[in-house]
């Protein structure tokens, strides 16, 4: 049960940089912090900022999906959507995704609810059958590697790891992956691809610069079966009217004649219902013809009833964008509350740094080196659940033990405020301990 008024971190040395304190001052600060920590522990909290789940009020925005067939039948352009068929998906759905993501409509395949599932299946096809007709399957090429910009998305990394690839970390910069590293690493023919979340990247919230996108389009990897996995999970998830713009990679690849070098993925998982949205995949014509030939052995067609329901519910790309403004109205105050607390409790004390994204679902918090694990454990003991330390790096190992992924979306604003304040106390304790050890 939450206290009526959140406990404020009023004790300690407001505005004092911990790295400028002497031992006596640090000990005094630590004593005050531990007293505050015990106050939080007495509340027996159960707060969760671990994953980027939409909050219930976000899901309610799409409740109308469940009643669209009260006013419409189950036919689309003469096709009975209750029956088998139409492997690529309803044309209205491919047209909608084409407009939203700037992709050629004929190169889009509509899957089920999960773009992650499409990514996994694409990996599996390349492992079993090869990346294109006549290519040696990845699984028959010995030890192969995949590039992993980090901090990054743990589920991306786990897909490559599941198939036994060696995960190669690439540094993330404010403009995207370090392209100097990427261009050097792809000289190795064993490197088969790279994961990318190009807009509001998970977890940093950064958007790849135009130069970064152009450098991706200009890549000349040693492996002709090298593939960019371009996951546009947050392309539609702006928090502000003044938002980031992502240069269209497909258009840039057309200029270089390399559209088959990238797969594009997106979904409505955080647009409508997280467990019952619509996912899509696109690539160059040869890639898609090849993939659909194999997919046709897996399924006769995906859920056209759900596709038609989404078409009834939205009707246009403009309606999707208007719907996303409603999401932003719910999410924006949550992000701002976390950032406000970080600024108030950590900034002047010199404890860490964090991103202030204009969209997406995460804030990336970098604490002083060697303190993230201790902070995580202290928070866990208070009943505050965070994404495990290391999750944003290959093999779950943060080499500097400093990064925490913060997911503000699911808790209520009151829960979020208390969870963030608990977290900052834990970070301050861990930092004080580290400095006293030194």
Foldseek 3Di string as FASTA:
>chain_A
DDDPDFDFLPDADFLAAQVPDDLVSLVRRLVSLVVVLVVLLVVLDAAEFADQDFAPVLQVLQPCLVCLVVPPPQDDPRRRLVDFADQQFDLVLLVQVCVLQVHDSVFKRKAWFDLLVVVLVQLVCQQPPNQAPPHDRLVPPPAAAEEEEPLAALSVLVSCVVSPHHYHYFYADLQGTPLVVVLVVLQDQSYAEYEEQAALGVAAGHHHDPVRLLSVLVRDGPHPNRAYEHEPAWSLWFLDPPADDHDRSCVSNVVVVRQSRYKYKYWCLSQHPVVGTMIMIGTDPRSSVRVVVVVVVVGSHHNNSSVVSVCSSQVHSVSSSVSSNVVSVQCVVLLVLLVVLCCRQPVSNVFWDWHSHRTDFKIKTFGQFPQQQQLQVSLVSSNYHFHHQQSSDNPSDDPRNGITIGGRRHDHSSSSNNSSSSSSSSSSSSVSVVVSVD
